[in-house]
């Protein structure tokens, strides 16, 4: 498979308050990539969250307040880039626009919702990324750790080119 680039921006061009843990830290453990490779990006309740890359929505579970627990709460949004070789998962959102649905296209910088707080957990966005080696269907899902990049670009409008090599190695940040 050929490598590919995506343009990535921080979901918090403003309002980020600090990192609360990255991949393989704390509760971010196997077996699911979207938990193990989670990056908890702190922000006050109500802070706006924006799409970090161009994608289409593959799964959307709206926020159901009656189902909230201290660990699982808020809307859940799965998305994949147009070439189907990289994806992401966001959760702990509320106020997701009604125009977003499975199959919707989103552009980097589009509004996804706001940060939800459920006590006793500090308010944050859980964001996880995955490279899909070989693409879908049938590709191999490999979690991606770009936690440091998100910490370094928080509260900015920086756009970073990330190269996915499609060979099992970590992506390169350009």
N, C-alpha and C. Protein backbone atom coordinates (compact mmCIF):
# COMPACT_ATOMS: atom_id res chain seq x y z
N UNK A 1 0.83 -1.19 0.00
CA UNK A 1 0.00 0.00 0.00
C UNK A 1 0.87 1.25 0.00
N UNK A 2 0.40 2.25 -0.66
CA UNK A 2 1.12 3.52 -0.72
C UNK A 2 0.82 4.36 0.52
N UNK A 3 1.79 5.13 0.92
CA UNK A 3 1.58 6.04 2.06
C UNK A 3 0.62 7.15 1.64
N UNK A 4 0.09 7.86 2.63
CA UNK A 4 -0.80 8.98 2.35
C UNK A 4 -0.66 10.01 3.46
N UNK A 5 -1.02 11.24 3.14
CA UNK A 5 -0.96 12.35 4.08
C UNK A 5 -2.37 12.80 4.43
N UNK A 6 -2.53 13.29 5.66
CA UNK A 6 -3.73 14.01 6.02
C UNK A 6 -3.32 15.32 6.69
N UNK A 7 -4.18 16.29 6.58
CA UNK A 7 -4.00 17.56 7.27
C UNK A 7 -4.79 17.47 8.57
N UNK A 8 -4.11 17.67 9.68
CA UNK A 8 -4.71 17.49 11.00
C UNK A 8 -4.63 18.80 11.77
N UNK A 9 -5.73 19.15 12.43
CA UNK A 9 -5.71 20.30 13.33
C UNK A 9 -6.27 19.88 14.68
N UNK A 10 -6.06 20.72 15.66
CA UNK A 10 -6.48 20.41 17.02
C UNK A 10 -7.99 20.63 17.15
N UNK A 11 -8.69 19.73 17.84
CA UNK A 11 -10.12 19.94 18.03
C UNK A 11 -10.43 21.12 18.95
N UNK A 12 -9.39 21.64 19.61
CA UNK A 12 -9.53 22.80 20.48
C UNK A 12 -8.64 23.95 20.01
N UNK A 13 -9.11 24.77 19.04
CA UNK A 13 -8.33 25.95 18.69
C UNK A 13 -8.30 26.95 19.84
N UNK A 14 -9.23 26.76 20.79
CA UNK A 14 -9.23 27.53 22.03
C UNK A 14 -9.97 26.71 23.08
N UNK A 15 -9.70 27.01 24.33
CA UNK A 15 -10.43 26.35 25.42
C UNK A 15 -9.77 25.13 26.03
N UNK A 16 -8.67 24.65 25.45
CA UNK A 16 -7.96 23.49 26.00
C UNK A 16 -7.38 23.86 27.36
N UNK A 17 -7.55 22.97 28.35
CA UNK A 17 -7.03 23.26 29.69
C UNK A 17 -5.89 22.35 30.12
N UNK A 18 -5.65 21.25 29.40
CA UNK A 18 -4.53 20.38 29.75
C UNK A 18 -4.80 18.94 29.38
N UNK A 19 -3.71 18.18 29.26
CA UNK A 19 -3.82 16.77 28.96
C UNK A 19 -4.17 15.98 30.21
N UNK A 20 -5.05 15.01 30.05
CA UNK A 20 -5.48 14.18 31.18
C UNK A 20 -5.07 12.72 31.00
N UNK A 21 -4.26 12.43 30.01
CA UNK A 21 -3.78 11.06 29.79
C UNK A 21 -3.89 10.66 28.34
N UNK A 22 -2.91 9.89 27.91
CA UNK A 22 -2.86 9.47 26.52
C UNK A 22 -2.95 7.97 26.37
N UNK A 23 -2.62 7.49 25.17
CA UNK A 23 -2.71 6.06 24.89
C UNK A 23 -1.94 5.20 25.90
N UNK A 24 -2.55 4.09 26.25
CA UNK A 24 -1.98 3.10 27.16
C UNK A 24 -1.72 3.66 28.57
N UNK A 25 -2.36 4.75 28.94
CA UNK A 25 -2.23 5.33 30.28
C UNK A 25 -3.56 5.19 31.00
N UNK A 26 -3.48 4.96 32.30
CA UNK A 26 -4.70 4.89 33.12
C UNK A 26 -5.68 3.86 32.59
N UNK A 27 -6.90 4.30 32.36
CA UNK A 27 -7.95 3.41 31.86
C UNK A 27 -7.89 3.13 30.37
N UNK A 28 -6.91 3.69 29.68
CA UNK A 28 -6.78 3.48 28.23
C UNK A 28 -6.01 2.18 27.98
N UNK A 29 -6.76 1.09 27.99
CA UNK A 29 -6.16 -0.24 27.84
C UNK A 29 -6.89 -1.03 26.76
N UNK A 30 -6.26 -2.12 26.30
CA UNK A 30 -6.86 -3.02 25.32
C UNK A 30 -8.17 -3.56 25.88
N UNK A 31 -9.03 -4.14 25.09
CA UNK A 31 -8.76 -4.66 23.75
C UNK A 31 -9.17 -3.74 22.61
N UNK A 32 -9.88 -2.65 22.84
CA UNK A 32 -10.42 -1.84 21.76
C UNK A 32 -9.53 -0.65 21.45
N UNK A 33 -9.16 -0.45 20.17
CA UNK A 33 -8.29 0.66 19.78
C UNK A 33 -8.86 2.00 20.24
N UNK A 34 -10.18 2.15 20.19
CA UNK A 34 -10.79 3.44 20.51
C UNK A 34 -10.76 3.76 22.00
N UNK A 35 -10.42 2.78 22.83
CA UNK A 35 -10.15 3.03 24.25
C UNK A 35 -8.64 3.09 24.47
N UNK A 36 -7.92 2.04 24.03
CA UNK A 36 -6.48 1.94 24.27
C UNK A 36 -5.71 3.16 23.75
N UNK A 37 -6.10 3.67 22.59
CA UNK A 37 -5.37 4.79 21.99
C UNK A 37 -6.07 6.13 22.23
N UNK A 38 -6.90 6.18 23.26
CA UNK A 38 -7.58 7.41 23.61
C UNK A 38 -6.64 8.47 24.14
N UNK A 39 -6.94 9.69 23.78
CA UNK A 39 -6.23 10.87 24.27
C UNK A 39 -7.27 11.72 24.96
N UNK A 40 -7.13 11.93 26.25
CA UNK A 40 -8.08 12.75 27.00
C UNK A 40 -7.57 14.19 27.02
N UNK A 41 -8.28 15.04 26.30
CA UNK A 41 -7.89 16.44 26.13
C UNK A 41 -8.84 17.30 26.95
N UNK A 42 -8.32 17.89 28.02
CA UNK A 42 -9.14 18.64 28.96
C UNK A 42 -9.63 19.97 28.41
N UNK A 43 -10.87 20.28 28.76
CA UNK A 43 -11.49 21.56 28.41
C UNK A 43 -12.68 21.75 29.32
N UNK A 44 -13.03 22.97 29.59
CA UNK A 44 -14.19 23.24 30.44
C UNK A 44 -15.47 22.75 29.78
N UNK A 45 -16.43 22.41 30.61
CA UNK A 45 -17.74 22.01 30.12
C UNK A 45 -18.27 23.11 29.19
N UNK A 46 -18.82 22.69 28.05
CA UNK A 46 -19.37 23.64 27.09
C UNK A 46 -18.39 24.14 26.05
N UNK A 47 -17.11 23.79 26.18
CA UNK A 47 -16.11 24.20 25.19
C UNK A 47 -16.44 23.57 23.85
N UNK A 48 -16.36 24.36 22.78
CA UNK A 48 -16.65 23.86 21.45
C UNK A 48 -15.54 22.93 20.96
N UNK A 49 -15.96 21.84 20.27
CA UNK A 49 -15.06 20.84 19.71
C UNK A 49 -15.23 20.86 18.20
N UNK A 50 -14.08 20.83 17.48
CA UNK A 50 -14.10 20.90 16.03
C UNK A 50 -13.42 19.69 15.41
N UNK A 51 -13.85 19.31 14.22
CA UNK A 51 -13.30 18.13 13.52
C UNK A 51 -11.81 18.33 13.26
N UNK A 52 -10.99 17.34 13.66
CA UNK A 52 -9.55 17.48 13.46
C UNK A 52 -9.07 17.13 12.04
N UNK A 53 -9.94 16.52 11.21
CA UNK A 53 -9.56 16.15 9.85
C UNK A 53 -10.82 15.97 9.01
N UNK A 54 -10.65 15.99 7.69
CA UNK A 54 -11.76 15.72 6.77
C UNK A 54 -12.15 14.26 6.90
N UNK A 55 -13.46 13.99 6.93
CA UNK A 55 -13.90 12.61 7.14
C UNK A 55 -15.37 12.46 6.75
N UNK A 56 -15.85 11.24 6.91
CA UNK A 56 -17.28 10.96 6.86
C UNK A 56 -17.63 10.16 8.11
N UNK A 57 -18.83 10.35 8.59
CA UNK A 57 -19.26 9.70 9.82
C UNK A 57 -19.69 8.27 9.51
N UNK A 58 -19.12 7.33 10.27
CA UNK A 58 -19.45 5.92 10.08
C UNK A 58 -20.36 5.37 11.17
N UNK A 59 -20.38 6.02 12.32
CA UNK A 59 -21.26 5.63 13.42
C UNK A 59 -21.46 6.85 14.31
N UNK A 60 -22.70 7.05 14.73
CA UNK A 60 -23.01 8.16 15.63
C UNK A 60 -24.04 7.69 16.64
N UNK A 61 -23.66 7.73 17.91
CA UNK A 61 -24.58 7.44 19.01
C UNK A 61 -24.84 8.76 19.71
N UNK A 62 -26.04 9.32 19.57
CA UNK A 62 -26.34 10.61 20.20
C UNK A 62 -26.24 10.53 21.72
N UNK A 63 -26.10 11.68 22.35
CA UNK A 63 -26.05 11.73 23.81
C UNK A 63 -27.40 11.35 24.39
N UNK A 64 -27.38 10.36 25.26
CA UNK A 64 -28.57 9.93 26.00
C UNK A 64 -28.26 10.11 27.48
N UNK A 65 -28.68 11.23 28.09
CA UNK A 65 -28.34 11.51 29.48
C UNK A 65 -28.71 10.39 30.45
N UNK A 66 -29.76 9.63 30.16
CA UNK A 66 -30.17 8.56 31.07
C UNK A 66 -29.18 7.40 31.07
N UNK A 67 -28.31 7.33 30.07
CA UNK A 67 -27.32 6.25 29.97
C UNK A 67 -25.94 6.65 30.47
N UNK A 68 -25.75 7.91 30.85
CA UNK A 68 -24.44 8.39 31.28
C UNK A 68 -23.97 7.68 32.55
N UNK A 69 -22.69 7.27 32.54
CA UNK A 69 -22.01 6.76 33.73
C UNK A 69 -20.73 7.58 33.89
N UNK A 70 -20.00 7.45 35.00
CA UNK A 70 -18.76 8.23 35.15
C UNK A 70 -17.69 7.93 34.09
N UNK A 71 -17.78 6.79 33.39
CA UNK A 71 -16.78 6.45 32.38
C UNK A 71 -17.32 6.52 30.96
N UNK A 72 -18.57 6.18 30.75
CA UNK A 72 -19.17 6.16 29.42
C UNK A 72 -20.31 7.16 29.41
N UNK A 73 -20.11 8.25 28.66
CA UNK A 73 -21.13 9.28 28.63
C UNK A 73 -20.97 10.16 27.40
N UNK A 74 -22.06 10.80 27.05
CA UNK A 74 -22.05 11.73 25.93
C UNK A 74 -22.19 11.03 24.60
N UNK A 75 -22.29 11.84 23.57
CA UNK A 75 -22.37 11.32 22.20
C UNK A 75 -21.06 10.64 21.83
N UNK A 76 -21.18 9.63 20.97
CA UNK A 76 -20.02 8.92 20.45
C UNK A 76 -20.04 9.05 18.93
N UNK A 77 -18.90 9.40 18.37
CA UNK A 77 -18.80 9.68 16.95
C UNK A 77 -17.58 8.97 16.37
N UNK A 78 -17.83 8.06 15.42
CA UNK A 78 -16.75 7.41 14.68
C UNK A 78 -16.70 8.02 13.29
N UNK A 79 -15.50 8.26 12.78
CA UNK A 79 -15.34 8.85 11.45
C UNK A 79 -14.11 8.28 10.76
N UNK A 80 -14.13 8.32 9.42
CA UNK A 80 -12.99 7.86 8.62
C UNK A 80 -12.69 8.86 7.52
N UNK A 81 -11.40 8.96 7.20
CA UNK A 81 -10.98 9.84 6.10
C UNK A 81 -11.51 9.27 4.78
N UNK A 82 -11.58 10.08 3.74
CA UNK A 82 -12.17 9.62 2.48
C UNK A 82 -11.53 8.37 1.87
N UNK A 83 -10.23 8.15 2.06
CA UNK A 83 -9.59 6.96 1.48
C UNK A 83 -9.79 5.70 2.32
N UNK A 84 -10.51 5.81 3.44
CA UNK A 84 -10.85 4.68 4.31
C UNK A 84 -9.65 4.02 4.99
N UNK A 85 -8.52 4.74 5.11
CA UNK A 85 -7.31 4.16 5.68
C UNK A 85 -6.91 4.77 7.03
N UNK A 86 -7.76 5.64 7.57
CA UNK A 86 -7.50 6.23 8.88
C UNK A 86 -8.84 6.67 9.44
N UNK A 87 -8.97 6.53 10.75
CA UNK A 87 -10.23 6.92 11.37
C UNK A 87 -10.03 7.49 12.75
N UNK A 88 -11.13 7.95 13.32
CA UNK A 88 -11.09 8.52 14.65
C UNK A 88 -12.38 8.27 15.40
N UNK A 89 -12.29 8.45 16.70
CA UNK A 89 -13.42 8.28 17.61
C UNK A 89 -13.39 9.43 18.60
N UNK A 90 -14.53 10.10 18.76
CA UNK A 90 -14.69 11.16 19.74
C UNK A 90 -15.84 10.81 20.66
N UNK A 91 -15.69 11.09 21.94
CA UNK A 91 -16.79 10.92 22.86
C UNK A 91 -16.71 11.96 23.98
N UNK A 92 -17.75 11.96 24.81
CA UNK A 92 -17.96 12.93 25.89
C UNK A 92 -18.41 14.27 25.30
N UNK A 93 -19.24 14.19 24.26
CA UNK A 93 -19.79 15.36 23.59
C UNK A 93 -21.28 15.49 23.88
N UNK A 94 -21.76 16.70 23.79
CA UNK A 94 -23.18 16.98 23.77
C UNK A 94 -23.39 18.10 22.76
N UNK A 95 -24.63 18.36 22.41
CA UNK A 95 -24.91 19.43 21.47
C UNK A 95 -24.42 19.16 20.07
N UNK A 96 -24.33 17.87 19.68
CA UNK A 96 -23.92 17.51 18.32
C UNK A 96 -24.98 18.03 17.35
N UNK A 97 -24.57 18.74 16.31
CA UNK A 97 -25.56 19.29 15.38
C UNK A 97 -26.45 18.19 14.78
N UNK A 98 -27.74 18.49 14.64
CA UNK A 98 -28.68 17.51 14.10
C UNK A 98 -28.39 17.18 12.64
N UNK A 99 -27.62 18.02 11.98
CA UNK A 99 -27.26 17.75 10.58
C UNK A 99 -26.23 16.63 10.44
N UNK A 100 -25.57 16.26 11.54
CA UNK A 100 -24.59 15.18 11.48
C UNK A 100 -25.30 13.84 11.64
N UNK A 101 -24.98 12.92 10.74
CA UNK A 101 -25.56 11.58 10.75
C UNK A 101 -24.60 10.63 10.06
N UNK A 102 -24.83 9.34 10.18
CA UNK A 102 -24.01 8.37 9.47
C UNK A 102 -24.04 8.70 7.98
N UNK A 103 -22.84 8.76 7.39
CA UNK A 103 -22.71 9.11 5.98
C UNK A 103 -22.42 10.58 5.74
N UNK A 104 -22.64 11.43 6.74
CA UNK A 104 -22.35 12.86 6.58
C UNK A 104 -20.87 13.10 6.37
N UNK A 105 -20.55 14.02 5.47
CA UNK A 105 -19.16 14.44 5.30
C UNK A 105 -18.91 15.62 6.22
N UNK A 106 -17.72 15.62 6.82
CA UNK A 106 -17.31 16.74 7.65
C UNK A 106 -15.93 17.18 7.18
N UNK A 107 -15.70 18.46 7.31
CA UNK A 107 -14.40 19.03 6.96
C UNK A 107 -13.65 19.41 8.22
N UNK A 108 -12.34 19.36 8.12
CA UNK A 108 -11.51 19.79 9.24
C UNK A 108 -11.98 21.18 9.67
N UNK A 109 -12.23 21.34 10.96
CA UNK A 109 -12.69 22.61 11.49
C UNK A 109 -14.19 22.73 11.66
N UNK A 110 -14.96 21.74 11.17
CA UNK A 110 -16.42 21.77 11.37
C UNK A 110 -16.76 21.53 12.83
N UNK A 111 -17.80 22.18 13.31
CA UNK A 111 -18.27 22.05 14.68
C UNK A 111 -18.87 20.65 14.90
N UNK A 112 -18.39 19.95 15.96
CA UNK A 112 -18.88 18.61 16.28
C UNK A 112 -19.78 18.57 17.51
N UNK A 113 -19.70 19.57 18.37
CA UNK A 113 -20.47 19.59 19.61
C UNK A 113 -19.67 20.30 20.69
N UNK A 114 -20.10 20.11 21.93
CA UNK A 114 -19.41 20.72 23.05
C UNK A 114 -19.04 19.67 24.09
N UNK A 115 -18.05 19.99 24.90
CA UNK A 115 -17.57 19.09 25.95
C UNK A 115 -18.65 18.94 27.02
N UNK A 116 -18.89 17.69 27.40
CA UNK A 116 -19.85 17.35 28.44
C UNK A 116 -19.10 16.96 29.70
N UNK A 117 -19.61 17.35 30.85
CA UNK A 117 -19.02 16.95 32.13
C UNK A 117 -20.01 16.06 32.86
N UNK A 118 -19.51 14.93 33.34
CA UNK A 118 -20.28 14.03 34.20
C UNK A 118 -19.42 13.76 35.43
N UNK A 119 -19.89 14.17 36.59
CA UNK A 119 -19.13 13.98 37.83
C UNK A 119 -18.92 12.51 38.12
N UNK A 120 -17.80 12.12 38.68
CA UNK A 120 -16.70 12.95 39.17
C UNK A 120 -15.58 13.15 38.15
N UNK A 121 -15.80 12.80 36.91
CA UNK A 121 -14.76 12.87 35.89
C UNK A 121 -14.53 14.31 35.44
N UNK A 122 -13.27 14.76 35.37
CA UNK A 122 -13.00 16.11 34.87
C UNK A 122 -13.48 16.24 33.42
N UNK A 123 -13.97 17.40 33.01
CA UNK A 123 -14.45 17.56 31.64
C UNK A 123 -13.31 17.43 30.63
N UNK A 124 -13.58 16.67 29.57
CA UNK A 124 -12.57 16.47 28.53
C UNK A 124 -13.20 15.85 27.29
N UNK A 125 -12.44 15.89 26.20
CA UNK A 125 -12.77 15.17 24.98
C UNK A 125 -11.90 13.92 24.95
N UNK A 126 -12.52 12.78 24.72
CA UNK A 126 -11.77 11.54 24.48
C UNK A 126 -11.68 11.41 22.96
N UNK A 127 -10.45 11.44 22.44
CA UNK A 127 -10.20 11.32 21.00
C UNK A 127 -9.21 10.18 20.79
N UNK A 128 -9.56 9.26 19.91
CA UNK A 128 -8.66 8.16 19.56
C UNK A 128 -8.53 8.10 18.04
N UNK A 129 -7.33 7.74 17.57
CA UNK A 129 -7.07 7.63 16.14
C UNK A 129 -6.58 6.23 15.80
N UNK A 130 -6.89 5.80 14.58
CA UNK A 130 -6.47 4.48 14.13
C UNK A 130 -6.07 4.56 12.66
N UNK A 131 -4.96 3.89 12.32
CA UNK A 131 -4.60 3.69 10.92
C UNK A 131 -5.19 2.35 10.50
N UNK A 132 -5.78 2.30 9.34
CA UNK A 132 -6.37 1.06 8.84
C UNK A 132 -5.49 0.59 7.70
N UNK A 133 -4.54 -0.30 8.03
CA UNK A 133 -3.56 -0.75 7.05
C UNK A 133 -4.28 -1.64 6.04
N UNK A 134 -4.26 -1.20 4.78
CA UNK A 134 -4.97 -1.89 3.73
C UNK A 134 -6.37 -1.34 3.49
N UNK A 135 -6.81 -0.43 4.34
CA UNK A 135 -8.13 0.18 4.17
C UNK A 135 -9.27 -0.75 4.54
N UNK A 136 -10.49 -0.24 4.43
CA UNK A 136 -11.67 -1.06 4.70
C UNK A 136 -12.30 -1.44 3.38
N UNK A 137 -12.94 -2.56 3.30
CA UNK A 137 -13.06 -3.55 4.37
C UNK A 137 -11.82 -4.44 4.43
N UNK A 138 -11.65 -5.10 5.54
CA UNK A 138 -10.61 -6.12 5.68
C UNK A 138 -9.26 -5.64 6.13
N UNK A 139 -9.06 -4.34 6.31
CA UNK A 139 -7.77 -3.83 6.74
C UNK A 139 -7.49 -4.15 8.19
N UNK A 140 -6.24 -3.96 8.58
CA UNK A 140 -5.80 -4.18 9.95
C UNK A 140 -5.82 -2.85 10.70
N UNK A 141 -6.54 -2.83 11.82
CA UNK A 141 -6.64 -1.61 12.62
C UNK A 141 -5.46 -1.51 13.58
N UNK A 142 -4.74 -0.38 13.50
CA UNK A 142 -3.59 -0.14 14.37
C UNK A 142 -3.74 1.25 14.99
N UNK A 143 -3.86 1.29 16.32
CA UNK A 143 -4.00 2.56 17.01
C UNK A 143 -2.82 3.48 16.77
N UNK A 144 -3.09 4.77 16.84
CA UNK A 144 -2.09 5.80 16.55
C UNK A 144 -1.95 6.71 17.77
N UNK A 145 -0.72 6.96 18.18
CA UNK A 145 -0.45 7.84 19.32
C UNK A 145 0.07 9.19 18.82
N UNK A 146 -0.82 10.17 18.78
CA UNK A 146 -0.42 11.54 18.43
C UNK A 146 -0.72 12.49 19.59
N UNK A 147 -0.70 11.95 20.81
CA UNK A 147 -1.03 12.73 22.00
C UNK A 147 -0.14 13.97 22.13
N UNK A 148 1.17 13.81 21.96
CA UNK A 148 2.08 14.95 22.09
C UNK A 148 1.75 16.02 21.06
N UNK A 149 1.42 15.63 19.84
CA UNK A 149 1.05 16.60 18.82
C UNK A 149 -0.17 17.41 19.26
N UNK A 150 -1.18 16.73 19.81
CA UNK A 150 -2.38 17.45 20.24
C UNK A 150 -2.09 18.36 21.44
N UNK A 151 -1.21 17.93 22.34
CA UNK A 151 -0.83 18.81 23.45
C UNK A 151 -0.08 20.04 22.93
N UNK A 152 0.82 19.82 21.97
CA UNK A 152 1.65 20.91 21.44
C UNK A 152 0.87 21.91 20.59
N UNK A 153 -0.23 21.49 19.98
CA UNK A 153 -0.97 22.38 19.07
C UNK A 153 -2.27 22.90 19.68
N UNK A 154 -2.55 22.55 20.93
CA UNK A 154 -3.78 23.02 21.58
C UNK A 154 -3.82 24.54 21.64
N UNK A 155 -5.02 25.06 21.52
CA UNK A 155 -5.27 26.51 21.58
C UNK A 155 -4.58 27.27 20.45
N UNK A 156 -4.39 26.58 19.32
CA UNK A 156 -3.84 27.23 18.12
C UNK A 156 -4.66 26.75 16.92
N UNK A 157 -4.46 27.42 15.80
CA UNK A 157 -5.10 26.97 14.55
C UNK A 157 -4.07 26.28 13.64
N UNK A 158 -3.01 25.75 14.24
CA UNK A 158 -1.96 25.06 13.51
C UNK A 158 -2.52 23.87 12.73
N UNK A 159 -2.10 23.74 11.48
CA UNK A 159 -2.44 22.58 10.66
C UNK A 159 -1.15 21.80 10.44
N UNK A 160 -1.20 20.52 10.77
CA UNK A 160 -0.02 19.66 10.68
C UNK A 160 -0.27 18.57 9.65
N UNK A 161 0.71 18.32 8.78
CA UNK A 161 0.63 17.21 7.84
C UNK A 161 1.17 15.97 8.54
N UNK A 162 0.36 14.91 8.54
CA UNK A 162 0.75 13.63 9.14
C UNK A 162 0.76 12.60 8.02
N UNK A 163 1.88 11.88 7.90
CA UNK A 163 2.04 10.86 6.86
C UNK A 163 1.86 9.48 7.47
N UNK A 164 0.93 8.73 6.91
CA UNK A 164 0.67 7.34 7.31
C UNK A 164 1.33 6.46 6.27
N UNK A 165 2.22 5.58 6.73
CA UNK A 165 3.06 4.81 5.82
C UNK A 165 2.43 3.50 5.36
N UNK A 166 1.36 3.05 5.99
CA UNK A 166 0.65 1.82 5.64
C UNK A 166 1.55 0.58 5.71
N UNK A 167 2.56 0.62 6.60
CA UNK A 167 3.45 -0.53 6.76
C UNK A 167 3.55 -1.00 8.22
N UNK A 168 2.70 -0.45 9.09
CA UNK A 168 2.72 -0.85 10.50
C UNK A 168 3.59 0.03 11.38
N UNK A 169 4.33 0.96 10.79
CA UNK A 169 5.16 1.86 11.59
C UNK A 169 4.34 3.08 11.99
N UNK A 170 4.76 3.78 13.06
CA UNK A 170 4.02 4.98 13.46
C UNK A 170 4.03 6.03 12.36
N UNK A 171 3.00 6.87 12.30
CA UNK A 171 2.98 7.93 11.29
C UNK A 171 4.06 8.97 11.59
N UNK A 172 4.44 9.71 10.56
CA UNK A 172 5.41 10.78 10.76
C UNK A 172 4.68 12.12 10.73
N UNK A 173 5.13 13.01 11.60
CA UNK A 173 4.54 14.34 11.72
C UNK A 173 5.47 15.30 11.00
N UNK A 174 4.94 16.00 10.02
CA UNK A 174 5.76 16.89 9.17
C UNK A 174 5.53 18.34 9.51
